[in-house]
């Protein structure tokens, strides 16, 4: 006999073998046991959750000669005939390839004939959302008032595409994604029956990769076992077969990003490519890793939500303590956008490398999240005692010798900059028009001893600001809005210089933030 795939060989043959859908199984068993069987059912849910399997078991149960508590006995002639697909009472139709009006008219003609054996004729229409509008209309009347010996079971992965007139004529059952624990337990049970030597950690990863689909999990297990035939299937083997990446790589990548180590991060990406890992899966897994970090930061009671061991959870908490939540949300946003871009791209590696560089260099973006990221970088530099002042020429040093240089910054300075950026529009709106024009392209950074640094690219605007009256009016407006007396000094910046990365453009941030709020109101 030829080899049979695991998902076919171990397809459940009674309600007790169906895993993860107890809310549906119990209802159907009660209906059969009490004789309250409906005439039309709609089974909805993602792939591999058991829609067609439950439909076939239901067809056996309603025709079983000796049902056991609403479940088919599996031993009588009717059960065997339906299981062997030789019964004329169960008609399976694939709506993806039989979606025309003529196909439905054939069903309407057939239902007039009562079953030759058993009590019910059961029509299982798979992927019913693929029927044409004309076919749905042809099905309506029969679906609403079929003969008493006919049952329709419609199965679909996209219930929103089914007309409301059809939905209202069916009992709807939504199949849930099967949990990782349930899939893992089922895989372990079947591995034991098949006498397969599989590591528990490997089974758990296969269950996660299946994304709630029992059929996908069995197919993945089949694929991995076939490659490592007569060997112990380990976690590392599964990673190799599925093109996945170990979570330790995610931790190393995150540390490179937080340290703004572009070279180190790109080297990690190169290693992943060389190992032949699937890049789309890598992006998805890293996004979920960042999501888990965010959840750990949000609450301490997440052992049940985060599906991982206590050791991994402890490591995750340690990692989460090193990164601010606002920065983490920026990382998640960039990689979520990357997931959509990769679907239609032929240059996945380039897009991933661009996203990683964006993570490392928040100054590449002009939005509120990147500002918070840059402030977090400044705070980290200050805590480590790294000077934030730019390298200056001898002439510039002599010119501003009377101005204290921003050598040692305290965390309060970053908060001052954040307050100024957040209220920049209100601050400049209270100044004279000439002063507003002077500050139009000004950049903001932090200095020592309650100082705010304004950076200018135009020497004339810097000179205008340095006039005592203009400096005083700006200082007064800033102090009133942030509730703290500050001293403002100026810097002349050169485009493309490294020092510019330490400054923030509050004008762009303010405008983009206002536009975002307006869109939200619409």
Protein backbone atom coordinates (compact mmCIF):
# COMPACT_ATOMS: atom_id res chain seq x y z
CA UNK A 1 0.00 0.00 0.00
CA UNK A 2 1.31 3.48 -0.88
CA UNK A 3 2.29 5.89 1.88
CA UNK A 4 -0.54 7.98 3.32
CA UNK A 5 0.10 11.49 4.67
CA UNK A 6 -0.22 11.86 8.43
CA UNK A 7 -3.11 14.33 8.25
CA UNK A 8 -5.10 11.82 6.15
CA UNK A 9 -4.09 8.76 8.11
CA UNK A 10 -5.01 10.28 11.48
CA UNK A 11 -8.08 12.29 10.44
CA UNK A 12 -10.62 12.03 13.33
CA UNK A 13 -13.38 9.49 12.73
CA UNK A 14 -15.61 10.46 15.66
CA UNK A 15 -16.37 13.55 17.70
CA UNK A 16 -14.14 12.50 20.59
CA UNK A 17 -11.03 12.67 18.36
CA UNK A 18 -11.69 16.30 17.29
CA UNK A 19 -9.33 18.62 19.19
CA UNK A 20 -9.82 22.26 20.05
CA UNK A 21 -13.46 22.61 18.92
CA UNK A 22 -15.32 21.37 22.00
CA UNK A 23 -17.90 24.19 21.80
CA UNK A 24 -19.04 22.91 18.39
CA UNK A 25 -18.69 19.19 19.02
CA UNK A 26 -20.81 19.30 22.20
CA UNK A 27 -23.60 21.25 20.47
CA UNK A 28 -23.77 18.89 17.50
CA UNK A 29 -23.74 15.78 19.71
CA UNK A 30 -26.61 17.18 21.79
CA UNK A 31 -28.63 17.93 18.64
CA UNK A 32 -28.17 14.38 17.37
CA UNK A 33 -28.87 12.80 20.75
CA UNK A 34 -32.08 14.83 21.26
CA UNK A 35 -33.26 14.61 17.64
CA UNK A 36 -33.04 18.39 17.09
CA UNK A 37 -31.12 18.19 13.81
CA UNK A 38 -31.17 21.29 11.60
CA UNK A 39 -31.49 21.34 7.84
CA UNK A 40 -28.59 23.72 7.03
CA UNK A 41 -25.28 24.39 8.77
CA UNK A 42 -22.50 26.87 8.03
CA UNK A 43 -19.01 25.95 9.27
CA UNK A 44 -16.63 28.94 9.27
CA UNK A 45 -12.98 29.15 10.24
CA UNK A 46 -9.40 29.27 9.04
CA UNK A 47 -7.76 26.40 7.19
CA UNK A 48 -7.03 23.14 8.97
CA UNK A 49 -9.31 23.71 11.96
CA UNK A 50 -11.59 20.73 11.24
CA UNK A 51 -14.56 22.06 9.25
CA UNK A 52 -14.73 19.28 6.64
CA UNK A 53 -13.74 16.63 9.19
CA UNK A 54 -16.57 17.58 11.55
CA UNK A 55 -18.99 17.70 8.59
CA UNK A 56 -18.11 14.10 7.67
CA UNK A 57 -18.40 12.90 11.27
CA UNK A 58 -21.79 14.64 11.51
CA UNK A 59 -22.92 12.91 8.30
CA UNK A 60 -21.92 9.55 9.82
CA UNK A 61 -23.59 10.32 13.13
CA UNK A 62 -27.00 11.23 11.65
CA UNK A 63 -26.98 8.00 9.59
CA UNK A 64 -25.37 5.72 12.20
CA UNK A 65 -27.41 2.64 13.08
CA UNK A 66 -26.02 2.49 16.64
CA UNK A 67 -24.95 6.01 17.73
CA UNK A 68 -23.16 6.34 21.06
CA UNK A 69 -24.12 9.52 22.92
CA UNK A 70 -24.56 11.43 19.64
CA UNK A 71 -21.29 10.16 18.15
CA UNK A 72 -21.05 7.53 15.33
CA UNK A 73 -20.18 4.01 16.39
CA UNK A 74 -17.80 3.52 13.47
CA UNK A 75 -18.71 -0.17 13.20
CA UNK A 76 -22.09 -0.32 11.45
CA UNK A 77 -22.51 -0.65 7.68
CA UNK A 78 -23.46 3.02 7.23
CA UNK A 79 -20.43 4.27 9.17
CA UNK A 80 -18.08 2.04 7.19
CA UNK A 81 -19.62 3.04 3.86
CA UNK A 82 -19.31 6.76 4.61
CA UNK A 83 -15.77 6.32 5.93
CA UNK A 84 -14.79 4.45 2.75
CA UNK A 85 -16.48 7.14 0.61
CA UNK A 86 -18.75 4.53 -0.99
CA UNK A 87 -22.03 5.81 0.42
CA UNK A 88 -24.51 7.56 -1.87
CA UNK A 89 -25.89 9.46 1.12
CA UNK A 90 -22.93 11.83 1.52
CA UNK A 91 -22.21 14.08 -1.46
CA UNK A 92 -19.10 16.29 -1.27
CA UNK A 93 -18.93 19.26 -3.65
CA UNK A 94 -15.97 21.56 -4.19
CA UNK A 95 -17.51 24.96 -4.89
CA UNK A 96 -14.18 26.29 -6.18
CA UNK A 97 -14.51 24.14 -9.33
CA UNK A 98 -18.30 23.60 -9.35
CA UNK A 99 -19.51 27.12 -8.83
CA UNK A 100 -21.98 27.64 -11.66
CA UNK A 101 -25.78 27.75 -11.76
CA UNK A 102 -25.95 24.40 -13.58
CA UNK A 103 -24.08 22.66 -10.76
CA UNK A 104 -26.59 23.90 -8.19
CA UNK A 105 -29.52 22.96 -10.43
CA UNK A 106 -28.22 19.39 -10.44
CA UNK A 107 -28.37 19.42 -6.65
CA UNK A 108 -31.94 20.73 -6.75
CA UNK A 109 -32.91 17.85 -9.02
CA UNK A 110 -31.14 15.24 -6.88
CA UNK A 111 -32.70 16.23 -3.54
CA UNK A 112 -36.11 15.11 -4.81
CA UNK A 113 -34.99 11.49 -4.43
CA UNK A 114 -34.94 10.03 -0.93
CA UNK A 115 -31.89 8.08 0.28
CA UNK A 116 -31.72 4.42 -0.69
CA UNK A 117 -30.18 3.56 2.68
CA UNK A 118 -29.92 5.41 5.96
CA UNK A 119 -32.00 8.36 7.09
CA UNK A 120 -30.37 11.46 5.61
CA UNK A 121 -28.71 12.69 2.44
CA UNK A 122 -25.95 15.10 3.46
CA UNK A 123 -24.55 17.64 1.00
CA UNK A 124 -21.15 19.03 2.05
CA UNK A 125 -20.27 22.09 -0.05
CA UNK A 126 -16.67 23.09 0.60
CA UNK A 127 -15.37 26.64 -0.06
CA UNK A 128 -18.98 27.74 -0.56
CA UNK A 129 -17.97 31.41 -0.83
CA UNK A 130 -16.64 30.60 -4.34
CA UNK A 131 -20.17 30.10 -5.72
CA UNK A 132 -21.29 32.67 -8.29
CA UNK A 133 -24.14 35.08 -7.42
CA UNK A 134 -26.42 33.14 -9.76
CA UNK A 135 -25.52 29.86 -8.05
CA UNK A 136 -26.29 31.34 -4.62
CA UNK A 137 -29.69 32.49 -5.88
CA UNK A 138 -30.40 29.03 -7.29
CA UNK A 139 -29.51 27.48 -3.92
CA UNK A 140 -31.68 29.76 -1.78
CA UNK A 141 -35.09 28.11 -2.09
CA UNK A 142 -33.74 24.57 -1.68
CA UNK A 143 -31.61 25.69 1.26
CA UNK A 144 -34.60 27.26 3.00
CA UNK A 145 -37.10 24.40 2.59
CA UNK A 146 -35.28 21.17 1.68
CA UNK A 147 -36.98 17.77 2.03
CA UNK A 148 -36.90 16.46 5.61
CA UNK A 149 -34.28 13.86 4.70
CA UNK A 150 -31.73 16.42 3.32
CA UNK A 151 -29.06 18.28 5.31
CA UNK A 152 -26.77 20.94 3.84
CA UNK A 153 -23.38 21.65 5.42
CA UNK A 154 -21.60 24.65 3.94
CA UNK A 155 -17.92 25.13 4.79
CA UNK A 156 -15.93 28.32 4.16
CA UNK A 157 -12.83 30.22 5.20
CA UNK A 158 -14.36 33.57 4.18
CA UNK A 159 -17.85 33.91 5.63
CA UNK A 160 -18.00 37.64 4.81
CA UNK A 161 -18.30 36.75 1.09
CA UNK A 162 -21.50 34.77 1.59
CA UNK A 163 -24.79 36.63 0.92
CA UNK A 164 -26.84 37.54 3.97
CA UNK A 165 -29.82 35.68 2.51
CA UNK A 166 -27.80 32.44 2.72
CA UNK A 167 -26.38 33.19 6.17
CA UNK A 168 -29.86 33.72 7.61
CA UNK A 169 -30.94 30.22 6.50
CA UNK A 170 -28.08 28.38 8.26
CA UNK A 171 -26.95 27.57 11.76
CA UNK A 172 -23.53 29.18 11.93
CA UNK A 173 -20.59 27.59 13.78
CA UNK A 174 -17.24 29.38 14.00
CA UNK A 175 -14.22 27.11 14.28
CA UNK A 176 -11.45 28.57 16.42
CA UNK A 177 -7.74 28.45 15.78
CA UNK A 178 -6.36 25.51 17.72
CA UNK A 179 -4.04 26.44 20.58
CA UNK A 180 -0.34 25.59 20.59
CA UNK A 181 -0.77 23.36 23.64
CA UNK A 182 -3.56 21.36 21.99
CA UNK A 183 -1.62 20.89 18.75
CA UNK A 184 1.55 19.92 20.64
CA UNK A 185 -0.32 17.30 22.68
CA UNK A 186 -1.88 15.84 19.52
CA UNK A 187 1.49 15.74 17.72
CA UNK A 188 3.08 13.98 20.70
CA UNK A 189 0.26 11.44 20.76
CA UNK A 190 0.57 10.67 17.05
CA UNK A 191 4.39 10.60 17.18
CA UNK A 192 4.15 7.91 19.83
CA UNK A 193 1.70 5.87 17.75
CA UNK A 194 3.95 6.24 14.68
CA UNK A 195 7.01 5.35 16.81
CA UNK A 196 8.77 8.59 15.86
CA UNK A 197 11.69 9.89 17.92
CA UNK A 198 10.92 13.61 18.19
CA UNK A 199 12.16 16.19 20.70
CA UNK A 200 9.39 17.94 22.69
CA UNK A 201 10.82 21.36 21.85
CA UNK A 202 10.70 20.46 18.15
CA UNK A 203 7.02 19.49 18.39
CA UNK A 204 6.21 22.75 20.14
CA UNK A 205 7.91 24.81 17.45
CA UNK A 206 6.02 22.92 14.73
CA UNK A 207 2.79 23.67 16.62
CA UNK A 208 3.63 27.37 16.70
CA UNK A 209 4.55 27.42 13.01
CA UNK A 210 1.18 25.80 12.15
CA UNK A 211 -0.60 29.01 13.24
CA UNK A 212 -3.65 27.30 14.71
CA UNK A 213 -4.05 24.67 11.95
CA UNK A 214 -3.89 21.01 12.95
CA UNK A 215 -3.58 19.90 9.31
CA UNK A 216 -0.64 22.26 8.74
CA UNK A 217 1.04 20.94 11.89
CA UNK A 218 0.77 17.34 10.71
CA UNK A 219 2.04 18.29 7.24
CA UNK A 220 5.05 20.07 8.76
CA UNK A 221 5.79 17.08 10.99
CA UNK A 222 5.53 14.79 7.97
CA UNK A 223 8.00 16.95 6.07
CA UNK A 224 10.54 17.13 8.90
CA UNK A 225 10.39 13.41 9.65
CA UNK A 226 10.87 12.57 5.96
CA UNK A 227 14.12 14.58 5.84
CA UNK A 228 15.56 13.08 9.05
CA UNK A 229 14.30 9.54 8.50
CA UNK A 230 15.41 7.07 11.18
CA UNK A 231 17.04 9.90 13.15
CA UNK A 232 15.96 11.80 16.24
CA UNK A 233 14.12 14.94 15.14
CA UNK A 234 15.55 17.83 17.19
CA UNK A 235 14.66 21.49 17.54
CA UNK A 236 17.66 22.49 15.42
CA UNK A 237 16.60 20.06 12.69
CA UNK A 238 13.15 21.64 12.55
CA UNK A 239 14.67 25.13 12.27
CA UNK A 240 16.81 23.93 9.35
CA UNK A 241 13.88 22.36 7.50
CA UNK A 242 11.45 25.24 8.01
CA UNK A 243 14.04 27.93 7.34
CA UNK A 244 13.41 29.49 10.75
CA UNK A 245 15.71 31.36 13.13
CA UNK A 246 16.43 30.67 16.79
CA UNK A 247 15.19 33.32 19.24
CA UNK A 248 18.77 33.97 20.36
CA UNK A 249 19.37 35.67 17.00
CA UNK A 250 16.50 38.07 17.70
CA UNK A 251 18.08 39.07 21.00
CA UNK A 252 21.45 39.73 19.34
CA UNK A 253 19.80 41.74 16.55
CA UNK A 254 17.88 43.86 19.06
CA UNK A 255 21.05 44.62 20.99
CA UNK A 256 22.78 45.72 17.78
CA UNK A 257 19.85 48.01 16.98
CA UNK A 258 19.76 49.53 20.47
CA UNK A 259 23.53 50.15 20.32
CA UNK A 260 23.10 51.66 16.81
CA UNK A 261 25.57 49.07 15.53
CA UNK A 262 24.59 49.07 11.85
CA UNK A 263 27.51 46.88 10.78
CA UNK A 264 26.75 44.24 13.41
CA UNK A 265 23.03 44.18 12.54
CA UNK A 266 23.69 43.83 8.81
CA UNK A 267 26.21 41.05 9.52
CA UNK A 268 23.45 39.14 11.34
CA UNK A 269 21.13 39.57 8.35
CA UNK A 270 23.88 38.31 6.05
CA UNK A 271 24.38 35.22 8.24
CA UNK A 272 20.65 34.48 8.09
CA UNK A 273 20.67 34.76 4.29
CA UNK A 274 23.74 32.52 3.97
CA UNK A 275 22.09 29.88 6.17
CA UNK A 276 19.17 29.84 3.73
CA UNK A 277 16.56 30.99 6.24
CA UNK A 278 13.19 32.12 4.93
CA UNK A 279 13.30 35.93 5.14
CA UNK A 280 9.54 36.45 5.31
CA UNK A 281 9.30 34.07 8.27
CA UNK A 282 12.26 35.81 9.93
CA UNK A 283 10.49 39.20 9.74
CA UNK A 284 7.27 37.70 11.12
CA UNK A 285 9.08 35.97 14.00
CA UNK A 286 11.10 39.07 14.90
CA UNK A 287 7.91 41.16 14.94
CA UNK A 288 6.36 38.66 17.35
CA UNK A 289 9.51 38.79 19.48
CA UNK A 290 9.14 42.58 19.73
CA UNK A 291 5.44 42.15 20.51
CA UNK A 292 6.30 39.81 23.38
CA UNK A 293 8.74 42.39 24.75
CA UNK A 294 5.99 45.02 24.66
CA UNK A 295 3.58 42.71 26.53
CA UNK A 296 6.22 41.99 29.18
CA UNK A 297 6.63 45.73 29.71
CA UNK A 298 2.86 46.18 30.04
CA UNK A 299 2.23 43.63 32.79
CA UNK A 300 3.96 41.15 35.07
CA UNK A 301 1.15 38.58 34.94
CA UNK A 302 1.58 37.29 31.39
CA UNK A 303 2.73 33.70 31.88
CA UNK A 304 -0.53 32.42 30.35
CA UNK A 305 -0.51 34.89 27.44
CA UNK A 306 3.11 34.38 26.42
CA UNK A 307 3.60 30.80 25.31
CA UNK A 308 7.16 30.13 26.51
CA UNK A 309 9.16 28.50 29.26
CA UNK A 310 9.98 30.27 32.54
CA UNK A 311 13.65 30.55 31.48
CA UNK A 312 12.76 32.26 28.20
CA UNK A 313 10.29 34.52 30.00
CA UNK A 314 12.98 35.61 32.47
CA UNK A 315 15.35 36.40 29.59
CA UNK A 316 12.58 38.33 27.86
CA UNK A 317 11.93 40.43 30.98
CA UNK A 318 15.63 41.24 31.25
CA UNK A 319 15.66 42.34 27.60
CA UNK A 320 12.49 44.40 28.02
CA UNK A 321 14.00 46.35 30.92
CA UNK A 322 16.69 47.75 28.62
CA UNK A 323 14.37 49.42 26.11
CA UNK A 324 11.72 52.14 26.36
CA UNK A 325 8.19 51.25 25.29
CA UNK A 326 7.90 54.19 22.85
CA UNK A 327 11.09 53.01 21.10
CA UNK A 328 9.79 49.44 21.02
CA UNK A 329 6.53 50.57 19.42
CA UNK A 330 8.53 52.31 16.68
CA UNK A 331 10.42 49.08 16.00
CA UNK A 332 7.14 47.13 15.77
CA UNK A 333 5.63 49.69 13.39
CA UNK A 334 8.62 49.56 11.02
CA UNK A 335 8.68 45.75 10.89
CA UNK A 336 4.88 45.51 10.54
CA UNK A 337 5.08 47.79 7.50
CA UNK A 338 7.97 45.66 6.23
CA UNK A 339 5.80 42.52 6.39
CA UNK A 340 3.34 44.04 3.92
CA UNK A 341 6.12 45.25 1.62
CA UNK A 342 7.76 41.81 1.41
CA UNK A 343 4.66 40.14 -0.03
CA UNK A 344 5.17 41.64 -3.48
CA UNK A 345 8.91 42.29 -3.44
CA UNK A 346 11.61 40.46 -5.36
CA UNK A 347 14.36 42.15 -3.28
CA UNK A 348 13.45 41.02 0.22
CA UNK A 349 16.98 41.25 1.58
CA UNK A 350 17.33 44.89 0.52
CA UNK A 351 14.04 45.86 2.17
CA UNK A 352 15.00 44.08 5.40
CA UNK A 353 18.41 45.74 5.47
CA UNK A 354 16.78 49.14 4.90
CA UNK A 355 14.37 48.52 7.78
CA UNK A 356 17.23 47.49 10.09
CA UNK A 357 19.18 50.65 9.22
CA UNK A 358 16.04 52.66 10.01
CA UNK A 359 15.86 50.99 13.41
CA UNK A 360 19.49 51.84 14.10
CA UNK A 361 19.21 55.43 12.87
CA UNK A 362 16.03 57.14 14.10
CA UNK A 363 17.21 60.44 12.56
CA UNK A 364 16.27 58.99 9.16
CA UNK A 365 12.60 59.55 10.05
CA UNK A 366 10.79 62.77 10.96
CA UNK A 367 7.91 61.58 13.12
CA UNK A 368 7.05 61.63 16.80
CA UNK A 369 8.16 58.04 17.47
CA UNK A 370 11.61 58.68 15.99
CA UNK A 371 11.95 61.78 18.20
CA UNK A 372 11.30 59.68 21.29
CA UNK A 373 13.79 57.12 19.99
CA UNK A 374 16.45 59.80 19.50
CA UNK A 375 15.76 61.18 22.98
CA UNK A 376 16.18 57.68 24.40
CA UNK A 377 19.55 57.44 22.62
CA UNK A 378 20.60 60.78 24.14
CA UNK A 379 19.56 59.63 27.61
CA UNK A 380 21.52 56.42 27.19
CA UNK A 381 24.57 58.40 26.10
CA UNK A 382 24.23 60.65 29.14
CA UNK A 383 23.90 57.72 31.52
CA UNK A 384 27.07 56.19 30.04
CA UNK A 385 28.87 59.55 30.31
CA UNK A 386 29.27 60.04 26.55
CA UNK A 387 29.60 63.71 25.60
CA UNK A 388 26.83 64.95 23.32
CA UNK A 389 28.58 68.12 22.16
CA UNK A 390 29.64 68.13 18.51
CA UNK A 391 33.24 68.48 17.39
CA UNK A 392 33.95 72.19 16.80
CA UNK A 393 36.60 74.05 14.86
CA UNK A 394 39.06 76.31 16.66
CA UNK A 395 37.30 79.42 15.28
CA UNK A 396 33.89 78.25 16.52
CA UNK A 397 35.34 77.41 19.93
CA UNK A 398 36.88 80.86 20.30
CA UNK A 399 33.68 82.58 19.10
CA UNK A 400 31.49 80.89 21.70
CA UNK A 401 34.01 80.51 24.51
CA UNK A 402 31.68 82.36 26.86
CA UNK A 403 28.92 79.79 26.25
CA UNK A 404 29.01 76.62 28.38
CA UNK A 405 29.51 73.56 26.19
CA UNK A 406 27.11 70.62 26.61
CA UNK A 407 29.59 68.06 27.95
CA UNK A 408 27.69 66.19 30.68
CA UNK A 409 23.95 65.94 30.26
CA UNK A 410 21.46 64.74 32.85
CA UNK A 411 18.24 62.88 31.99
CA UNK A 412 16.22 66.04 32.69
CA UNK A 413 17.73 67.66 29.59
CA UNK A 414 16.11 65.13 27.26
CA UNK A 415 12.79 65.75 29.00
CA UNK A 416 13.22 69.50 28.38
CA UNK A 417 13.77 68.88 24.68
CA UNK A 418 10.72 66.61 24.54
CA UNK A 419 8.59 69.33 26.21
CA UNK A 420 9.86 71.98 23.78
CA UNK A 421 9.18 69.75 20.75
CA UNK A 422 5.69 68.90 21.98
CA UNK A 423 4.74 72.58 22.45
CA UNK A 424 6.83 74.14 19.68
CA UNK A 425 3.81 75.40 17.72
CA UNK A 426 2.40 77.25 20.74
CA UNK A 427 5.81 78.65 21.68
CA UNK A 428 6.60 80.27 18.33
CA UNK A 429 3.01 81.43 17.77
CA UNK A 430 3.40 83.94 20.63
CA UNK A 431 6.53 85.53 19.16
CA UNK A 432 6.84 88.38 16.70
CA UNK A 433 6.57 87.49 13.00
CA UNK A 434 10.25 88.21 12.33
CA UNK A 435 11.27 85.92 15.21
CA UNK A 436 8.92 83.20 13.95
CA UNK A 437 10.57 83.35 10.51
CA UNK A 438 13.98 83.17 12.15
CA UNK A 439 12.98 79.95 13.97
CA UNK A 440 11.29 78.39 10.94
CA UNK A 441 14.16 75.95 10.22
CA UNK A 442 15.73 75.83 13.69
CA UNK A 443 16.70 72.46 15.22
CA UNK A 444 16.63 71.59 18.93
CA UNK A 445 19.01 69.64 21.17
CA UNK A 446 19.96 69.45 24.87
CA UNK A 447 22.77 71.25 26.65
CA UNK A 448 24.19 71.25 30.17
CA UNK A 449 22.78 73.15 33.19
CA UNK A 450 19.23 73.67 31.95
CA UNK A 451 20.41 74.78 28.52
CA UNK A 452 18.56 74.24 25.25
CA UNK A 453 20.63 74.37 22.05
CA UNK A 454 19.12 75.81 18.87
CA UNK A 455 20.89 74.75 15.70
CA UNK A 456 20.86 76.94 12.58
CA UNK A 457 22.06 76.24 9.05
CA UNK A 458 21.87 79.93 8.14
CA UNK A 459 24.51 82.18 9.72
CA UNK A 460 22.25 85.24 9.30
CA UNK A 461 19.40 83.63 11.27
CA UNK A 462 21.85 82.60 13.99
CA UNK A 463 23.15 86.16 14.23
CA UNK A 464 19.57 87.45 14.41
CA UNK A 465 18.84 85.09 17.31
CA UNK A 466 22.06 86.03 19.12
CA UNK A 467 20.81 89.61 19.46
CA UNK A 468 20.02 90.01 23.17
CA UNK A 469 16.39 91.03 22.72
CA UNK A 470 15.50 88.15 20.41
CA UNK A 471 17.24 85.53 22.59
CA UNK A 472 15.44 86.84 25.70
CA UNK A 473 11.99 86.73 24.07
CA UNK A 474 12.49 83.12 22.94
CA UNK A 475 13.82 82.06 26.35
CA UNK A 476 10.82 83.67 28.06
CA UNK A 477 8.31 81.92 25.76
CA UNK A 478 9.99 78.51 26.23
CA UNK A 479 10.21 78.89 30.02
CA UNK A 480 6.52 79.80 30.31
CA UNK A 481 5.38 76.76 28.35
CA UNK A 482 7.59 74.07 29.89
CA UNK A 483 7.40 75.52 33.41
CA UNK A 484 11.15 75.64 33.87
CA UNK A 485 13.69 78.44 33.50
CA UNK A 486 16.10 77.62 30.71
CA UNK A 487 19.01 79.27 28.97
CA UNK A 488 19.15 78.98 25.17
CA UNK A 489 22.39 78.98 23.18
CA UNK A 490 22.90 78.71 19.42
CA UNK A 491 25.01 76.56 17.13
CA UNK A 492 25.83 76.92 13.44
CA UNK A 493 25.39 73.50 11.79
CA UNK A 494 26.76 72.15 8.54
CA UNK A 495 24.61 69.83 6.41
CA UNK A 496 25.77 66.23 6.47
CA UNK A 497 27.90 66.63 9.60
CA UNK A 498 27.55 64.01 12.32
CA UNK A 499 26.58 66.66 14.89
CA UNK A 500 23.29 67.25 13.05
CA UNK A 501 22.10 63.76 14.10
CA UNK A 502 21.88 65.01 17.72
CA UNK A 503 19.32 67.68 16.79
CA UNK A 504 15.56 67.37 16.23
CA UNK A 505 13.44 69.40 13.81
CA UNK A 506 10.40 70.43 15.91
CA UNK A 507 8.68 72.15 12.98
CA UNK A 508 8.29 68.89 11.01
CA UNK A 509 7.33 66.92 14.09
CA UNK A 510 4.65 69.41 15.04
CA UNK A 511 3.08 69.54 11.59
CA UNK A 512 3.02 65.76 11.13
CA UNK A 513 1.49 65.30 14.56
CA UNK A 514 -1.30 67.77 13.80
CA UNK A 515 -2.09 66.02 10.51
CA UNK A 516 -2.30 62.67 12.27
CA UNK A 517 -4.83 64.00 14.79
CA UNK A 518 -6.96 65.47 12.01
CA UNK A 519 -7.07 62.14 10.19
CA UNK A 520 -8.13 60.44 13.39
CA UNK A 521 -11.08 62.80 13.76
CA UNK A 522 -12.30 62.02 10.26
